[in-house]
Protein backbone atom coordinates (compact mmCIF):
# COMPACT_ATOMS: atom_id res chain seq x y z
CA MET A 1 23.31 10.64 26.61
CA LYS A 2 25.59 8.47 24.52
CA PHE A 3 25.69 5.10 22.78
CA ILE A 4 27.80 2.98 20.44
CA ILE A 5 26.13 0.97 17.67
CA ASN A 6 27.07 -0.93 14.52
CA ARG A 7 26.03 0.81 11.27
CA GLU A 8 24.07 -2.24 10.08
CA GLU A 9 21.91 -2.32 13.23
CA ILE A 10 20.69 1.28 12.92
CA LEU A 11 20.60 1.79 9.14
CA THR A 12 17.48 -0.22 8.17
CA PRO A 13 15.25 1.03 11.04
CA LEU A 14 16.38 4.59 10.29
CA GLN A 15 15.52 4.21 6.58
CA GLN A 16 12.08 2.82 7.47
CA ILE A 17 11.38 5.78 9.76
CA VAL A 18 12.72 8.56 7.54
CA SER A 19 10.36 7.63 4.66
CA VAL A 20 7.41 8.75 6.81
CA ILE A 21 8.93 12.16 7.53
CA GLU A 22 7.78 14.78 5.02
CA LYS A 23 10.48 16.96 3.44
CA ARG A 24 8.43 20.13 3.98
CA GLN A 25 7.18 20.53 7.52
CA THR A 26 4.97 23.05 9.30
CA MET A 27 6.97 22.43 12.50
CA PRO A 28 10.78 22.20 12.22
CA ILE A 29 10.92 19.42 14.86
CA LEU A 30 8.87 17.11 12.58
CA SER A 31 11.94 16.96 10.27
CA ASN A 32 13.79 15.32 13.16
CA VAL A 33 13.88 11.77 14.45
CA LEU A 34 13.27 11.32 18.18
CA ILE A 35 16.02 9.24 19.83
CA VAL A 36 15.36 7.74 23.27
CA ILE A 37 17.62 5.43 25.26
CA GLU A 38 16.08 3.54 28.15
CA GLU A 39 16.64 0.09 29.68
CA ASP A 40 19.20 -1.15 27.12
CA GLN A 41 16.97 -0.11 24.22
CA LEU A 42 17.48 2.51 21.54
CA ILE A 43 14.05 3.77 20.44
CA LEU A 44 13.76 5.78 17.19
CA THR A 45 10.52 7.61 16.33
CA GLY A 46 9.44 9.50 13.20
CA THR A 47 6.03 11.02 12.44
CA ASP A 48 4.14 13.45 10.20
CA LEU A 49 1.30 13.54 12.79
CA GLU A 50 -0.85 11.28 10.55
CA ILE A 51 1.50 8.28 10.53
CA GLN A 52 4.15 7.26 13.05
CA ILE A 53 6.83 4.57 12.99
CA ILE A 54 8.75 3.51 16.11
CA ALA A 55 11.78 1.19 15.89
CA LYS A 56 13.28 -0.53 18.94
CA ILE A 57 16.88 -1.74 18.87
CA ASN A 58 18.57 -3.65 21.70
CA ILE A 59 21.78 -1.91 22.70
CA ALA A 60 24.50 -2.80 25.22
CA MET A 61 26.73 0.24 25.71
CA ALA A 62 24.54 3.28 26.33
CA THR A 63 23.82 6.14 28.73
CA PRO A 64 20.07 6.99 28.99
CA GLY A 65 18.63 10.22 27.57
CA THR A 66 16.40 11.74 24.86
CA ILE A 67 17.04 14.11 21.97
CA THR A 68 15.83 14.82 18.40
CA VAL A 69 18.24 15.09 15.44
CA PRO A 70 17.70 16.04 11.76
CA ALA A 71 16.42 12.76 10.29
CA ARG A 72 17.75 12.92 6.72
CA LYS A 73 21.18 14.22 7.72
CA PHE A 74 21.54 11.49 10.35
CA LEU A 75 20.42 8.85 7.84
CA ASP A 76 22.85 10.09 5.16
CA ILE A 77 25.76 10.02 7.64
CA CYS A 78 24.96 6.42 8.65
CA ARG A 79 24.32 5.35 5.05
CA LEU A 80 27.58 6.74 3.67
CA LEU A 81 29.81 5.28 6.38
CA PRO A 82 31.57 2.04 5.36
CA SER A 83 29.86 -1.32 5.99
CA GLY A 84 30.34 -2.67 9.50
CA ALA A 85 31.46 0.73 10.83
CA GLU A 86 31.05 1.39 14.55
CA ILE A 87 29.13 4.61 15.23
CA LYS A 88 29.61 6.59 18.46
CA PHE A 89 26.80 9.00 19.28
CA GLU A 90 27.16 11.55 22.10
CA LEU A 91 25.06 14.52 23.20
CA GLN A 92 27.14 17.57 24.12
CA GLY A 93 25.06 20.65 25.03
CA ASP A 94 22.71 21.42 22.11
CA LYS A 95 24.84 19.46 19.61
CA VAL A 96 25.21 15.77 18.85
CA LYS A 97 28.71 14.46 18.08
CA ILE A 98 28.84 11.44 15.77
CA THR A 99 32.21 9.74 15.28
CA SER A 100 33.24 6.66 13.36
CA SER A 101 36.89 5.75 12.74
CA ARG A 102 38.32 8.94 11.18
CA SER A 103 34.96 10.59 10.46
CA ARG A 104 33.58 13.29 12.76
CA PHE A 105 30.20 15.04 12.52
CA SER A 106 28.43 17.61 14.68
CA LEU A 107 24.65 17.99 14.28
CA SER A 108 22.43 20.71 15.74
CA CYS A 109 19.50 19.18 17.60
CA LEU A 110 16.21 20.16 19.22
CA PRO A 111 15.06 19.15 22.72
CA ALA A 112 12.83 16.06 22.90
CA ASP A 113 10.31 17.88 25.16
CA ASN A 114 9.01 19.75 22.09
CA TYR A 115 8.45 16.56 20.06
CA PRO A 116 4.69 16.26 19.41
CA GLU A 117 2.84 13.33 20.91
CA PHE A 118 1.00 11.07 18.49
CA ALA A 119 -2.59 11.16 19.72
CA GLU A 120 -4.14 7.68 19.84
CA SER A 121 -7.47 6.58 21.22
CA GLU A 122 -7.82 3.25 23.02
CA LEU A 123 -7.46 0.41 20.50
CA GLU A 124 -10.20 -2.04 21.45
CA ASN A 125 -9.96 -4.52 18.53
CA HIS A 126 -6.99 -6.74 17.76
CA LEU A 127 -6.10 -9.63 15.45
CA PHE A 128 -3.07 -11.60 14.26
CA ILE A 129 -2.17 -12.13 10.61
CA ALA A 130 0.87 -13.42 8.69
CA ALA A 131 2.80 -10.61 7.00
CA GLY A 132 2.97 -12.55 3.72
CA LYS A 133 -0.82 -12.96 3.60
CA PHE A 134 -1.46 -9.28 4.37
CA LYS A 135 1.18 -8.12 1.88
CA LYS A 136 -0.43 -10.20 -0.89
CA ALA A 137 -3.83 -8.66 -0.09
CA LEU A 138 -2.32 -5.16 -0.25
CA ASP A 139 -0.51 -5.86 -3.53
CA LYS A 140 -3.78 -7.00 -5.13
CA THR A 141 -5.68 -3.84 -4.16
CA VAL A 142 -3.50 -0.75 -3.54
CA PHE A 143 -3.17 0.21 -7.23
CA CYS A 144 -6.92 0.95 -7.33
CA MET A 145 -6.83 3.61 -4.60
CA ALA A 146 -7.68 7.12 -5.72
CA ASN A 147 -5.06 9.85 -5.45
CA GLN A 148 -6.22 13.29 -4.27
CA ASP A 149 -9.87 12.62 -5.09
CA VAL A 150 -12.38 15.05 -3.56
CA ARG A 151 -14.22 11.97 -2.25
CA TYR A 152 -11.49 11.59 0.35
CA TYR A 153 -12.69 8.14 1.50
CA LEU A 154 -11.53 6.82 -1.91
CA ASN A 155 -7.97 8.02 -1.17
CA GLY A 156 -7.61 5.02 1.09
CA LEU A 157 -8.29 1.33 1.55
CA LEU A 158 -11.26 -0.34 3.22
CA PHE A 159 -10.22 -3.00 5.74
CA ASN A 160 -13.18 -5.17 6.68
CA VAL A 161 -12.96 -7.83 9.41
CA SER A 162 -15.78 -10.32 9.88
CA ASN A 163 -14.88 -12.86 12.61
CA SER A 164 -12.41 -15.21 10.87
CA LYS A 165 -12.41 -13.47 7.46
CA PHE A 166 -10.90 -10.22 6.26
CA LYS A 167 -11.49 -8.20 3.11
CA LEU A 168 -9.57 -5.32 1.49
CA VAL A 169 -11.33 -3.03 -0.98
CA ALA A 170 -9.91 -0.15 -3.03
CA SER A 171 -11.55 2.02 -5.69
CA ASP A 172 -10.96 5.27 -7.55
CA GLY A 173 -14.54 5.47 -8.82
CA HIS A 174 -13.67 3.95 -12.24
CA ARG A 175 -12.48 0.56 -11.03
CA LEU A 176 -12.63 -1.49 -7.87
CA SER A 177 -10.57 -4.37 -6.47
CA ILE A 178 -11.67 -6.74 -3.72
CA TYR A 179 -9.46 -9.27 -1.98
CA GLU A 180 -10.82 -11.72 0.60
CA ASP A 181 -8.97 -14.27 2.72
CA ASN A 182 -9.25 -16.18 6.00
CA LEU A 183 -7.59 -15.29 9.28
CA ASP A 184 -5.85 -18.07 11.21
CA GLN A 185 -7.76 -17.20 14.40
CA ALA A 186 -11.39 -16.10 14.75
CA THR A 187 -11.63 -12.54 16.09
CA GLY A 188 -15.21 -12.61 17.39
CA PHE A 189 -15.98 -9.15 16.03
CA GLU A 190 -17.02 -7.29 12.85
CA ALA A 191 -15.44 -3.98 11.90
CA ARG A 192 -14.85 -1.70 8.89
CA ILE A 193 -12.12 0.93 8.84
CA ILE A 194 -10.50 3.05 6.09
CA LEU A 195 -6.69 3.23 6.07
CA PRO A 196 -5.21 6.43 4.56
CA ARG A 197 -3.37 6.18 1.22
CA LYS A 198 0.07 7.17 2.54
CA GLY A 199 -0.29 4.79 5.48
CA VAL A 200 -1.19 1.90 3.16
CA LEU A 201 1.85 2.52 0.92
CA GLU A 202 4.19 2.79 3.94
CA LEU A 203 2.77 -0.34 5.54
CA SER A 204 3.14 -2.32 2.31
CA ARG A 205 6.80 -1.29 2.15
CA LEU A 206 7.47 -2.41 5.74
CA LEU A 207 6.14 -5.96 5.16
CA ASP A 208 9.40 -7.36 3.78
CA ASP A 209 9.40 -10.64 5.74
CA PRO A 210 6.48 -12.92 4.74
CA GLU A 211 7.12 -15.23 7.72
CA ALA A 212 6.64 -12.49 10.36
CA GLU A 213 3.41 -12.45 12.35
CA LEU A 214 1.68 -9.09 12.61
CA LYS A 215 -0.36 -7.97 15.56
CA VAL A 216 -2.96 -5.45 14.36
CA GLU A 217 -4.80 -3.26 16.87
CA PHE A 218 -7.39 -0.67 15.86
CA SER A 219 -10.26 1.52 16.97
CA SER A 220 -12.57 3.68 14.86
CA ASN A 221 -9.86 6.42 14.73
CA ASN A 222 -6.46 4.69 14.80
CA ILE A 223 -4.61 1.57 13.73
CA ARG A 224 -1.39 0.16 15.16
CA VAL A 225 0.58 -2.70 13.60
CA PHE A 226 3.44 -4.50 15.36
CA ILE A 227 5.99 -5.77 12.81
CA LYS A 228 8.92 -7.48 14.57
CA ASN A 229 10.84 -4.58 16.19
CA LEU A 230 8.68 -1.87 14.54
CA ILE A 231 5.42 -0.26 15.64
CA PHE A 232 3.47 1.37 12.80
CA SER A 233 0.60 3.71 13.75
CA ALA A 234 -1.80 5.70 11.55
CA LYS A 235 -4.87 7.86 11.91
CA LEU A 236 -7.82 6.40 10.01
CA VAL A 237 -10.02 8.17 7.47
CA ASP A 238 -13.10 9.35 9.33
CA SER A 239 -15.79 8.43 6.80
CA LYS A 240 -18.06 5.65 5.58
CA TYR A 241 -16.98 3.62 2.56
CA PRO A 242 -19.65 3.47 -0.19
CA ASP A 243 -21.77 0.31 -0.41
CA PHE A 244 -20.37 -1.57 -3.43
CA SER A 245 -22.48 -4.73 -2.90
CA LYS A 246 -25.14 -3.58 -5.41
CA VAL A 247 -22.72 -4.16 -8.26
CA PHE A 248 -23.05 -7.94 -7.60
CA GLN A 249 -26.87 -7.84 -7.61
CA GLN A 250 -27.49 -7.59 -11.35
CA GLU A 251 -27.85 -9.68 -14.48
CA PHE A 252 -24.70 -10.72 -16.37
CA PHE A 253 -23.79 -12.00 -19.83
CA ASN A 254 -22.13 -15.40 -20.04
CA GLN A 255 -18.52 -15.58 -18.89
CA ILE A 256 -15.69 -15.03 -21.35
CA HIS A 257 -12.64 -17.28 -20.84
CA ILE A 258 -9.33 -16.13 -22.30
CA GLN A 259 -5.65 -16.93 -21.78
CA LYS A 260 -4.25 -14.32 -19.41
CA GLN A 261 -0.90 -13.83 -21.17
CA VAL A 262 -2.51 -13.66 -24.65
CA LEU A 263 -4.91 -10.92 -23.45
CA LYS A 264 -2.10 -9.04 -21.71
CA ASP A 265 0.14 -9.05 -24.77
CA ALA A 266 -2.67 -8.00 -27.11
CA LEU A 267 -3.80 -5.16 -24.84
CA THR A 268 -0.23 -3.89 -24.50
CA ARG A 269 0.25 -3.84 -28.27
CA VAL A 270 -3.10 -2.22 -29.12
CA ALA A 271 -2.77 0.39 -26.35
CA ILE A 272 0.34 1.82 -28.10
CA LEU A 273 -1.97 3.64 -30.54
CA SER A 274 -4.74 4.53 -28.08
CA ASN A 275 -5.47 8.10 -27.00
CA GLU A 276 -2.65 8.97 -24.57
CA LYS A 277 -5.01 10.57 -22.07
CA PHE A 278 -7.92 8.10 -21.98
CA LYS A 279 -6.21 4.84 -23.10
CA GLY A 280 -9.52 3.62 -24.56
CA VAL A 281 -9.80 0.29 -26.41
CA THR A 282 -12.95 -1.27 -27.91
CA PHE A 283 -13.91 -4.93 -27.37
CA ASP A 284 -16.07 -6.50 -30.11
CA ILE A 285 -17.12 -9.83 -28.63
CA THR A 286 -18.66 -12.63 -30.69
CA PRO A 287 -18.78 -16.37 -29.94
CA ASP A 288 -15.17 -17.67 -30.07
CA ARG A 289 -13.67 -14.28 -31.10
CA LEU A 290 -12.61 -11.07 -29.40
CA LYS A 291 -11.53 -8.11 -31.52
CA ILE A 292 -9.61 -5.40 -29.63
CA SER A 293 -9.27 -2.12 -31.52
CA THR A 294 -8.36 1.51 -30.93
CA HIS A 295 -7.67 4.80 -32.69
CA ASN A 296 -6.32 8.19 -31.66
CA PRO A 297 -6.64 11.86 -32.68
CA GLU A 298 -3.73 11.43 -35.14
CA HIS A 299 -5.89 8.83 -36.99
CA ASP A 300 -3.59 5.93 -36.12
CA GLU A 301 -5.40 2.61 -35.71
CA ALA A 302 -4.63 -0.75 -34.14
CA GLU A 303 -6.60 -4.00 -34.14
CA GLU A 304 -6.03 -7.50 -32.82
CA GLU A 305 -8.19 -10.65 -32.90
CA LEU A 306 -8.09 -13.29 -30.16
CA ILE A 307 -9.71 -16.71 -29.77
CA ILE A 308 -11.91 -16.91 -26.67
CA GLU A 309 -14.44 -19.23 -25.02
CA TYR A 310 -17.80 -17.45 -25.07
CA ILE A 311 -21.37 -18.52 -25.81
CA GLY A 312 -23.94 -15.76 -26.10
CA GLU A 313 -25.04 -12.55 -27.80
CA PRO A 314 -22.42 -10.48 -29.67
CA LEU A 315 -21.59 -7.27 -27.79
CA THR A 316 -19.38 -4.19 -28.08
CA ILE A 317 -17.92 -2.37 -25.08
CA ALA A 318 -14.94 -0.05 -24.47
CA PHE A 319 -12.48 0.09 -21.55
CA ASN A 320 -9.39 1.89 -20.33
CA ALA A 321 -6.60 -0.47 -21.45
CA GLN A 322 -4.39 0.30 -18.44
CA TYR A 323 -7.16 -0.61 -15.98
CA LEU A 324 -7.62 -3.98 -17.69
CA LEU A 325 -3.86 -4.60 -17.75
CA ASP A 326 -3.55 -3.82 -14.02
CA ALA A 327 -6.31 -6.31 -13.25
CA VAL A 328 -5.14 -9.11 -15.53
CA SER A 329 -1.53 -8.77 -14.29
CA ASN A 330 -2.74 -9.43 -10.74
CA LEU A 331 -4.43 -12.74 -11.54
CA ASP A 332 -2.60 -15.84 -10.31
CA SER A 333 -4.15 -18.35 -12.74
CA GLU A 334 -3.28 -18.77 -16.44
CA LEU A 335 -6.90 -18.17 -17.44
CA ALA A 336 -8.74 -14.87 -17.08
CA VAL A 337 -12.53 -14.82 -16.72
CA LEU A 338 -14.37 -11.69 -17.87
CA THR A 339 -18.03 -11.26 -16.91
CA ILE A 340 -19.86 -8.24 -18.33
CA ALA A 341 -23.06 -6.91 -16.75
CA SER A 342 -26.07 -7.19 -19.06
CA ASN A 343 -26.62 -3.41 -18.92
CA ALA A 344 -22.90 -2.95 -19.82
CA SER A 345 -22.32 -0.98 -16.60
CA SER A 346 -19.34 -3.00 -15.38
CA CYS A 347 -17.00 -5.87 -16.16
CA PHE A 348 -15.77 -8.37 -13.56
CA ILE A 349 -12.30 -9.84 -14.00
CA ASP A 350 -11.35 -12.87 -11.91
CA GLU A 351 -10.11 -16.44 -12.06
CA PRO A 352 -11.95 -19.65 -13.07
CA ASN A 353 -11.46 -21.36 -9.71
CA ASP A 354 -13.10 -19.68 -6.73
CA CYS A 355 -10.45 -17.15 -5.78
CA GLY A 356 -10.52 -14.35 -3.23
CA TYR A 357 -9.62 -11.68 -5.77
CA LYS A 358 -12.14 -9.76 -7.89
CA PHE A 359 -11.53 -6.74 -10.04
CA ILE A 360 -14.34 -4.60 -11.46
CA VAL A 361 -13.82 -2.00 -14.16
CA MET A 362 -16.38 0.48 -15.49
CA PRO A 363 -16.65 0.81 -19.27
CA MET A 364 -15.85 3.99 -21.24
CA ARG A 365 -17.80 5.87 -23.85
CA LEU A 366 -15.65 6.26 -26.95
């Protein structure tokens, strides 16, 4: 087995694959990247058994074969070679010889027969979506995913398809973000799946070309996404996502309209003196005025008054400042609309025009 390739052709796919490979592995071969040459194609595969990325590169000068090499070492060699360098890769016994100009490397490798197969069930559903549209949906929701929560379904992202519409939902139990948009083609099916946290973050990173069209295939256990010359696969979270629709079926106070940037700046300033752990700030809302205040165990205090558009009863409610900042920063319009439930159980943050993005944050007791 041998091939010759330009550094630029192999570097990016190798970087995309290596990020999936965990540094600490239960099986030594999982630290390796699987290299296959067949029919003028170089196929690179990396997996942690939960997520897998396959990259296919067209190659002219190659002798077929398969082998696995240490992923990070191989990446570092390619990365540190000069730009435009030609890399020669040759298997000799149980070693791989890599040469480029005056550089020579010899890597120990493991046979490809021992490389674990990524178990996938038959993927009966499929749809097409623009990478830019899907990336925007991910960016608006991923920050709400829980991290290592015992309710493991929250450590992921709900992907809901309903014929020609799709919806992404993420929540950590204290806040929730929902993003809805239309698909270009009707799918003719309804489905709900939960993507795992690591898979979501990896997928978001791979969507670097907004013009690319993604083909998404999934079943109740697996998802596979075709991104140009990459195939991303992940095992889904086997659980049911909680029903969040009840949060919409309640009475609300009148909407509060406020300039997004003004609210952002005020929250950022006031939060400096909030409790470092809880980041709590109090909203005192009266017609035309919003007072944001906070204090901390060192008896520091901060207060800021803003002009708002609001008609209704005065009310006082407290929030985590960081949760509000995350939400407001993700709005596209210049105006933020805050709608507080009449029992003060939640606050909706969205835009004045009918947008596909909604953010819900639960209040705090201070």
